[in-house]
């Protein structure tokens, strides 16, 4: 094993097919293996649990995700939650903004210059976007709750899904959420960013351009208007 392979192994990397020696394990044994001290064994357990479409497996995977520190077991856990399917969506919603500290806590000073839509920083939101349209009905319910941290991450997921799938009916719930949280600039910034995927939001964005004076919000409005003009 060379140095690069050793580094990947220490982070829990398991090549395809290496999990076959554990296929004799039942669901409970695999759930137990999620707590192994060996990262590669945690990766194997997560990978094999993708074949177990039960609430027990989903909750075990999410519990493991909340404490996992290695890259490859995290990836395997997220892959399995997606492979299990719709059963994973609601439990993942409960984890929005709860895992790790990579989420935006304030509007970043640096602008996002790419013409793509930024992948959510929150690991639960990042996993939910992989469900595409199937996740939208439950994501929209988060906008109605009084949980700013979860709302903030749900907006990222909704904006990402819409940008690549075009769901014009989402613009109204997002605009209503914007006005409900008029005193939360982070939520407003994220909604303005999400509007880059809605040609229908042009009037809304132009109106806000006249009403607000925060530089970063104005910059994000400019970017959203630019993307709307470019892709529509």
C-alpha atoms as a PDB file:
ATOM      1  CA  UNK A   1       0.000   0.000   0.000  1.00  0.00           C
ATOM      2  CA  UNK A   2       1.518   3.326  -1.063  1.00  0.00           C
ATOM      3  CA  UNK A   3       1.242   6.530   0.957  1.00  0.00           C
ATOM      4  CA  UNK A   4      -1.788   7.833  -0.930  1.00  0.00           C
ATOM      5  CA  UNK A   5      -3.684   4.564  -0.468  1.00  0.00           C
ATOM      6  CA  UNK A   6      -2.751   4.508   3.223  1.00  0.00           C
ATOM      7  CA  UNK A   7      -4.113   8.032   3.669  1.00  0.00           C
ATOM      8  CA  UNK A   8      -7.383   7.104   1.968  1.00  0.00           C
ATOM      9  CA  UNK A   9      -7.668   3.976   4.093  1.00  0.00           C
ATOM     10  CA  UNK A  10      -7.142   5.984   7.286  1.00  0.00           C
ATOM     11  CA  UNK A  11     -10.066   8.156   6.203  1.00  0.00           C
ATOM     12  CA  UNK A  12     -12.274   5.097   5.738  1.00  0.00           C
ATOM     13  CA  UNK A  13     -11.988   4.473   2.005  1.00  0.00           C
ATOM     14  CA  UNK A  14     -13.241   1.053   0.900  1.00  0.00           C
ATOM     15  CA  UNK A  15     -12.944  -0.025  -2.768  1.00  0.00           C
ATOM     16  CA  UNK A  16     -15.997  -1.389  -4.531  1.00  0.00           C
ATOM     17  CA  UNK A  17     -16.502  -5.059  -3.797  1.00  0.00           C
ATOM     18  CA  UNK A  18     -14.507  -5.068  -0.578  1.00  0.00           C
ATOM     19  CA  UNK A  19     -17.742  -5.171   1.418  1.00  0.00           C
ATOM     20  CA  UNK A  20     -18.580  -8.708   0.256  1.00  0.00           C
ATOM     21  CA  UNK A  21     -16.870 -10.306   3.247  1.00  0.00           C
ATOM     22  CA  UNK A  22     -19.451  -8.596   5.475  1.00  0.00           C
ATOM     23  CA  UNK A  23     -22.563  -9.529   3.499  1.00  0.00           C
ATOM     24  CA  UNK A  24     -23.333 -12.282   6.012  1.00  0.00           C
ATOM     25  CA  UNK A  25     -24.003  -9.615   8.678  1.00  0.00           C
ATOM     26  CA  UNK A  26     -27.623  -8.883   9.470  1.00  0.00           C
ATOM     27  CA  UNK A  27     -29.030  -5.377   9.992  1.00  0.00           C
ATOM     28  CA  UNK A  28     -28.327  -5.289  13.733  1.00  0.00           C
ATOM     29  CA  UNK A  29     -24.749  -6.384  13.210  1.00  0.00           C
ATOM     30  CA  UNK A  30     -24.225  -3.702  10.585  1.00  0.00           C
ATOM     31  CA  UNK A  31     -25.709  -1.049  12.857  1.00  0.00           C
ATOM     32  CA  UNK A  32     -23.287  -2.170  15.559  1.00  0.00           C
ATOM     33  CA  UNK A  33     -20.444  -1.976  13.025  1.00  0.00           C
ATOM     34  CA  UNK A  34     -21.283   1.686  12.398  1.00  0.00           C
ATOM     35  CA  UNK A  35     -19.633   2.302  15.775  1.00  0.00           C
ATOM     36  CA  UNK A  36     -16.430   0.440  14.941  1.00  0.00           C
ATOM     37  CA  UNK A  37     -13.142   2.128  15.795  1.00  0.00           C
ATOM     38  CA  UNK A  38     -11.956   1.248  12.286  1.00  0.00           C
ATOM     39  CA  UNK A  39     -13.150   3.845   9.733  1.00  0.00           C
ATOM     40  CA  UNK A  40     -13.202   1.352   6.853  1.00  0.00           C
ATOM     41  CA  UNK A  41     -15.543  -0.924   8.790  1.00  0.00           C
ATOM     42  CA  UNK A  42     -17.894   2.011   9.368  1.00  0.00           C
ATOM     43  CA  UNK A  43     -17.838   2.671   5.612  1.00  0.00           C
ATOM     44  CA  UNK A  44     -18.656  -0.981   4.873  1.00  0.00           C
ATOM     45  CA  UNK A  45     -21.512  -0.994   7.367  1.00  0.00           C
ATOM     46  CA  UNK A  46     -22.993   2.184   5.907  1.00  0.00           C
ATOM     47  CA  UNK A  47     -22.692   0.855   2.359  1.00  0.00           C
ATOM     48  CA  UNK A  48     -24.425  -2.420   3.151  1.00  0.00           C
ATOM     49  CA  UNK A  49     -27.207  -0.722   5.108  1.00  0.00           C
ATOM     50  CA  UNK A  50     -28.362   0.841   1.852  1.00  0.00           C
ATOM     51  CA  UNK A  51     -30.055  -2.515   1.229  1.00  0.00           C
ATOM     52  CA  UNK A  52     -32.061  -2.221   4.448  1.00  0.00           C
ATOM     53  CA  UNK A  53     -35.011   0.092   3.850  1.00  0.00           C
ATOM     54  CA  UNK A  54     -36.229   0.357   7.433  1.00  0.00           C
ATOM     55  CA  UNK A  55     -36.686   3.221   9.870  1.00  0.00           C
ATOM     56  CA  UNK A  56     -34.211   1.528  12.180  1.00  0.00           C
ATOM     57  CA  UNK A  57     -31.530   1.675   9.492  1.00  0.00           C
ATOM     58  CA  UNK A  58     -32.300   5.301   8.621  1.00  0.00           C
ATOM     59  CA  UNK A  59     -32.092   6.459  12.234  1.00  0.00           C
ATOM     60  CA  UNK A  60     -28.912   4.457  12.802  1.00  0.00           C
ATOM     61  CA  UNK A  61     -27.289   6.015   9.738  1.00  0.00           C
ATOM     62  CA  UNK A  62     -28.294   9.526  10.780  1.00  0.00           C
ATOM     63  CA  UNK A  63     -27.068   8.925  14.316  1.00  0.00           C
ATOM     64  CA  UNK A  64     -23.738   7.790  12.866  1.00  0.00           C
ATOM     65  CA  UNK A  65     -23.598  10.798  10.546  1.00  0.00           C
ATOM     66  CA  UNK A  66     -23.958  13.177  13.483  1.00  0.00           C
ATOM     67  CA  UNK A  67     -20.746  11.930  15.088  1.00  0.00           C
ATOM     68  CA  UNK A  68     -18.715  10.713  12.086  1.00  0.00           C
ATOM     69  CA  UNK A  69     -15.422  12.557  11.582  1.00  0.00           C
ATOM     70  CA  UNK A  70     -13.934  10.709   8.607  1.00  0.00           C
ATOM     71  CA  UNK A  71     -14.673  11.594   4.988  1.00  0.00           C
ATOM     72  CA  UNK A  72     -15.467   8.238   3.404  1.00  0.00           C
ATOM     73  CA  UNK A  73     -17.835   6.907   6.076  1.00  0.00           C
ATOM     74  CA  UNK A  74     -19.722  10.215   5.779  1.00  0.00           C
ATOM     75  CA  UNK A  75     -20.006   9.749   2.024  1.00  0.00           C
ATOM     76  CA  UNK A  76     -21.174   6.165   2.399  1.00  0.00           C
ATOM     77  CA  UNK A  77     -23.771   7.158   4.990  1.00  0.00           C
ATOM     78  CA  UNK A  78     -25.177   9.876   2.739  1.00  0.00           C
ATOM     79  CA  UNK A  79     -25.202   7.526  -0.260  1.00  0.00           C
ATOM     80  CA  UNK A  80     -27.112   4.923   1.710  1.00  0.00           C
ATOM     81  CA  UNK A  81     -29.684   7.412   2.976  1.00  0.00           C
ATOM     82  CA  UNK A  82     -30.350   8.440  -0.619  1.00  0.00           C
ATOM     83  CA  UNK A  83     -30.452   4.829  -1.832  1.00  0.00           C
ATOM     84  CA  UNK A  84     -32.938   3.897   0.886  1.00  0.00           C
ATOM     85  CA  UNK A  85     -35.237   6.513  -0.595  1.00  0.00           C
ATOM     86  CA  UNK A  86     -38.135   8.631   0.644  1.00  0.00           C
ATOM     87  CA  UNK A  87     -38.011   7.054   4.102  1.00  0.00           C
ATOM     88  CA  UNK A  88     -34.885   9.141   4.734  1.00  0.00           C
ATOM     89  CA  UNK A  89     -36.308  12.550   3.826  1.00  0.00           C
ATOM     90  CA  UNK A  90     -38.222  13.470   6.991  1.00  0.00           C
ATOM     91  CA  UNK A  91     -35.462  12.346   9.390  1.00  0.00           C
ATOM     92  CA  UNK A  92     -32.944  14.359   7.364  1.00  0.00           C
ATOM     93  CA  UNK A  93     -35.161  17.451   7.615  1.00  0.00           C
ATOM     94  CA  UNK A  94     -34.893  17.229  11.382  1.00  0.00           C
ATOM     95  CA  UNK A  95     -31.119  17.487  11.047  1.00  0.00           C
ATOM     96  CA  UNK A  96     -31.023  20.661   8.954  1.00  0.00           C
ATOM     97  CA  UNK A  97     -28.487  22.997  10.512  1.00  0.00           C
ATOM     98  CA  UNK A  98     -27.685  20.510  13.264  1.00  0.00           C
ATOM     99  CA  UNK A  99     -24.629  18.612  12.014  1.00  0.00           C
ATOM    100  CA  UNK A 100     -21.194  20.194  11.918  1.00  0.00           C
ATOM    101  CA  UNK A 101     -20.306  23.875  11.783  1.00  0.00           C
ATOM    102  CA  UNK A 102     -19.797  24.470   8.063  1.00  0.00           C
ATOM    103  CA  UNK A 103     -23.090  26.318   7.594  1.00  0.00           C
ATOM    104  CA  UNK A 104     -23.216  30.041   6.894  1.00  0.00           C
ATOM    105  CA  UNK A 105     -23.619  31.878  10.186  1.00  0.00           C
ATOM    106  CA  UNK A 106     -23.629  35.271   8.499  1.00  0.00           C
ATOM    107  CA  UNK A 107     -23.540  36.656   4.972  1.00  0.00           C
ATOM    108  CA  UNK A 108     -20.037  35.997   3.628  1.00  0.00           C
ATOM    109  CA  UNK A 109     -18.021  39.001   2.590  1.00  0.00           C
ATOM    110  CA  UNK A 110     -16.810  37.258  -0.559  1.00  0.00           C
ATOM    111  CA  UNK A 111     -19.209  37.043  -3.501  1.00  0.00           C
ATOM    112  CA  UNK A 112     -19.926  33.742  -5.258  1.00  0.00           C
ATOM    113  CA  UNK A 113     -18.734  34.384  -8.818  1.00  0.00           C
ATOM    114  CA  UNK A 114     -19.682  31.132 -10.572  1.00  0.00           C
ATOM    115  CA  UNK A 115     -22.795  30.895 -12.738  1.00  0.00           C
ATOM    116  CA  UNK A 116     -23.761  27.565 -11.148  1.00  0.00           C
ATOM    117  CA  UNK A 117     -25.841  27.246  -7.978  1.00  0.00           C
ATOM    118  CA  UNK A 118     -23.678  26.682  -4.892  1.00  0.00           C
ATOM    119  CA  UNK A 119     -23.953  23.255  -3.293  1.00  0.00           C
ATOM    120  CA  UNK A 120     -25.399  23.565   0.235  1.00  0.00           C
ATOM    121  CA  UNK A 121     -22.764  23.664   2.949  1.00  0.00           C
ATOM    122  CA  UNK A 122     -25.002  21.827   5.420  1.00  0.00           C
ATOM    123  CA  UNK A 123     -24.592  18.043   5.078  1.00  0.00           C
ATOM    124  CA  UNK A 124     -28.297  17.298   5.622  1.00  0.00           C
ATOM    125  CA  UNK A 125     -29.308  19.853   2.972  1.00  0.00           C
ATOM    126  CA  UNK A 126     -26.606  18.538   0.650  1.00  0.00           C
ATOM    127  CA  UNK A 127     -28.057  15.042   0.992  1.00  0.00           C
ATOM    128  CA  UNK A 128     -31.635  16.212   0.540  1.00  0.00           C
ATOM    129  CA  UNK A 129     -30.898  17.892  -2.803  1.00  0.00           C
ATOM    130  CA  UNK A 130     -30.023  14.464  -4.175  1.00  0.00           C
ATOM    131  CA  UNK A 131     -33.670  13.464  -3.795  1.00  0.00           C
ATOM    132  CA  UNK A 132     -34.624  16.246  -6.189  1.00  0.00           C
ATOM    133  CA  UNK A 133     -38.324  17.075  -6.518  1.00  0.00           C
ATOM    134  CA  UNK A 134     -39.339  14.302  -4.105  1.00  0.00           C
ATOM    135  CA  UNK A 135     -37.916  16.317  -1.209  1.00  0.00           C
ATOM    136  CA  UNK A 136     -39.681  19.590  -2.048  1.00  0.00           C
ATOM    137  CA  UNK A 137     -43.081  19.097  -0.319  1.00  0.00           C
ATOM    138  CA  UNK A 138     -41.448  18.433   3.038  1.00  0.00           C
ATOM    139  CA  UNK A 139     -38.760  21.087   2.545  1.00  0.00           C
ATOM    140  CA  UNK A 140     -41.522  23.654   2.041  1.00  0.00           C
ATOM    141  CA  UNK A 141     -43.034  22.774   5.420  1.00  0.00           C
ATOM    142  CA  UNK A 142     -39.780  23.886   7.060  1.00  0.00           C
ATOM    143  CA  UNK A 143     -40.325  27.413   5.714  1.00  0.00           C
ATOM    144  CA  UNK A 144     -43.527  27.616   7.778  1.00  0.00           C
ATOM    145  CA  UNK A 145     -41.796  26.771  11.060  1.00  0.00           C
ATOM    146  CA  UNK A 146     -40.198  29.236  13.436  1.00  0.00           C
ATOM    147  CA  UNK A 147     -36.746  27.689  13.277  1.00  0.00           C
ATOM    148  CA  UNK A 148     -34.400  30.130  11.506  1.00  0.00           C
ATOM    149  CA  UNK A 149     -31.420  27.771  11.455  1.00  0.00           C
ATOM    150  CA  UNK A 150     -33.399  25.001   9.710  1.00  0.00           C
ATOM    151  CA  UNK A 151     -35.144  27.498   7.424  1.00  0.00           C
ATOM    152  CA  UNK A 152     -31.782  28.867   6.326  1.00  0.00           C
ATOM    153  CA  UNK A 153     -30.546  25.423   5.216  1.00  0.00           C
ATOM    154  CA  UNK A 154     -33.892  24.429   3.684  1.00  0.00           C
ATOM    155  CA  UNK A 155     -33.719  27.524   1.452  1.00  0.00           C
ATOM    156  CA  UNK A 156     -30.349  26.359   0.124  1.00  0.00           C
ATOM    157  CA  UNK A 157     -31.796  22.955  -0.738  1.00  0.00           C
ATOM    158  CA  UNK A 158     -34.953  24.386  -2.340  1.00  0.00           C
ATOM    159  CA  UNK A 159     -32.938  26.893  -4.363  1.00  0.00           C
ATOM    160  CA  UNK A 160     -30.548  24.214  -5.591  1.00  0.00           C
ATOM    161  CA  UNK A 161     -33.299  21.768  -6.580  1.00  0.00           C
ATOM    162  CA  UNK A 162     -35.251  24.471  -8.401  1.00  0.00           C
ATOM    163  CA  UNK A 163     -32.199  25.808 -10.251  1.00  0.00           C
ATOM    164  CA  UNK A 164     -31.748  22.445 -11.952  1.00  0.00           C
ATOM    165  CA  UNK A 165     -35.398  21.353 -12.186  1.00  0.00           C
ATOM    166  CA  UNK A 166     -37.438  24.565 -12.641  1.00  0.00           C
ATOM    167  CA  UNK A 167     -40.369  24.554 -10.215  1.00  0.00           C
ATOM    168  CA  UNK A 168     -42.005  28.009 -10.641  1.00  0.00           C
ATOM    169  CA  UNK A 169     -44.648  27.363  -7.975  1.00  0.00           C
ATOM    170  CA  UNK A 170     -41.902  27.568  -5.325  1.00  0.00           C
ATOM    171  CA  UNK A 171     -41.393  31.292  -5.810  1.00  0.00           C
ATOM    172  CA  UNK A 172     -44.413  32.315  -3.705  1.00  0.00           C
ATOM    173  CA  UNK A 173     -43.510  30.322  -0.567  1.00  0.00           C
ATOM    174  CA  UNK A 174     -39.970  31.702  -0.755  1.00  0.00           C
ATOM    175  CA  UNK A 175     -41.170  35.297  -1.137  1.00  0.00           C
ATOM    176  CA  UNK A 176     -43.553  34.900   1.798  1.00  0.00           C
ATOM    177  CA  UNK A 177     -40.697  33.497   3.873  1.00  0.00           C
ATOM    178  CA  UNK A 178     -38.575  36.508   2.866  1.00  0.00           C
ATOM    179  CA  UNK A 179     -41.158  38.946   4.192  1.00  0.00           C
ATOM    180  CA  UNK A 180     -41.738  36.959   7.392  1.00  0.00           C
ATOM    181  CA  UNK A 181     -38.036  37.180   8.154  1.00  0.00           C
ATOM    182  CA  UNK A 182     -37.514  40.823   7.203  1.00  0.00           C
ATOM    183  CA  UNK A 183     -35.167  41.221  10.197  1.00  0.00           C
ATOM    184  CA  UNK A 184     -32.952  38.243   9.318  1.00  0.00           C
ATOM    185  CA  UNK A 185     -30.479  39.293   6.629  1.00  0.00           C
ATOM    186  CA  UNK A 186     -28.960  35.818   6.291  1.00  0.00           C
ATOM    187  CA  UNK A 187     -32.335  34.300   5.377  1.00  0.00           C
ATOM    188  CA  UNK A 188     -33.084  37.205   3.047  1.00  0.00           C
ATOM    189  CA  UNK A 189     -29.700  36.818   1.342  1.00  0.00           C
ATOM    190  CA  UNK A 190     -30.296  33.106   0.800  1.00  0.00           C
ATOM    191  CA  UNK A 191     -33.759  33.710  -0.646  1.00  0.00           C
ATOM    192  CA  UNK A 192     -32.406  36.390  -2.978  1.00  0.00           C
ATOM    193  CA  UNK A 193     -29.826  33.829  -4.116  1.00  0.00           C
ATOM    194  CA  UNK A 194     -32.569  31.227  -4.619  1.00  0.00           C
ATOM    195  CA  UNK A 195     -34.452  33.699  -6.816  1.00  0.00           C
ATOM    196  CA  UNK A 196     -31.689  33.361  -9.428  1.00  0.00           C
ATOM    197  CA  UNK A 197     -33.548  30.259 -10.629  1.00  0.00           C
ATOM    198  CA  UNK A 198     -36.935  31.958 -10.971  1.00  0.00           C
ATOM    199  CA  UNK A 199     -37.569  34.231 -13.970  1.00  0.00           C
ATOM    200  CA  UNK A 200     -40.883  35.023 -12.228  1.00  0.00           C
ATOM    201  CA  UNK A 201     -38.977  36.755  -9.415  1.00  0.00           C
ATOM    202  CA  UNK A 202     -37.573  39.604 -11.518  1.00  0.00           C
ATOM    203  CA  UNK A 203     -40.162  42.149 -10.358  1.00  0.00           C
ATOM    204  CA  UNK A 204     -39.687  41.069  -6.739  1.00  0.00           C
ATOM    205  CA  UNK A 205     -35.911  41.489  -7.034  1.00  0.00           C
ATOM    206  CA  UNK A 206     -36.214  44.910  -8.661  1.00  0.00           C
ATOM    207  CA  UNK A 207     -38.576  46.020  -5.895  1.00  0.00           C
ATOM    208  CA  UNK A 208     -36.149  44.869  -3.200  1.00  0.00           C
ATOM    209  CA  UNK A 209     -33.328  46.628  -5.005  1.00  0.00           C
ATOM    210  CA  UNK A 210     -35.129  49.903  -4.331  1.00  0.00           C
ATOM    211  CA  UNK A 211     -35.980  49.124  -0.710  1.00  0.00           C
ATOM    212  CA  UNK A 212     -32.787  47.788   0.839  1.00  0.00           C
ATOM    213  CA  UNK A 213     -29.385  49.381   1.388  1.00  0.00           C
ATOM    214  CA  UNK A 214     -27.217  46.459   2.513  1.00  0.00           C
ATOM    215  CA  UNK A 215     -24.345  46.099   0.056  1.00  0.00           C
ATOM    216  CA  UNK A 216     -24.133  42.299   0.067  1.00  0.00           C
ATOM    217  CA  UNK A 217     -27.890  41.952  -0.437  1.00  0.00           C
ATOM    218  CA  UNK A 218     -27.719  44.370  -3.341  1.00  0.00           C
ATOM    219  CA  UNK A 219     -24.795  42.452  -4.839  1.00  0.00           C
ATOM    220  CA  UNK A 220     -26.754  39.219  -4.560  1.00  0.00           C
ATOM    221  CA  UNK A 221     -29.765  40.834  -6.235  1.00  0.00           C
ATOM    222  CA  UNK A 222     -27.493  41.896  -9.104  1.00  0.00           C
ATOM    223  CA  UNK A 223     -26.182  38.347  -9.427  1.00  0.00           C
ATOM    224  CA  UNK A 224     -29.668  36.810  -9.420  1.00  0.00           C
ATOM    225  CA  UNK A 225     -30.889  39.268 -12.045  1.00  0.00           C
ATOM    226  CA  UNK A 226     -27.829  38.514 -14.158  1.00  0.00           C
ATOM    227  CA  UNK A 227     -28.467  34.754 -14.015  1.00  0.00           C
ATOM    228  CA  UNK A 228     -32.142  35.237 -14.844  1.00  0.00           C
ATOM    229  CA  UNK A 229     -31.231  37.278 -17.921  1.00  0.00           C
ATOM    230  CA  UNK A 230     -28.554  34.807 -18.946  1.00  0.00           C
ATOM    231  CA  UNK A 231     -30.609  31.627 -18.735  1.00  0.00           C
ATOM    232  CA  UNK A 232     -34.067  32.897 -19.748  1.00  0.00           C
END
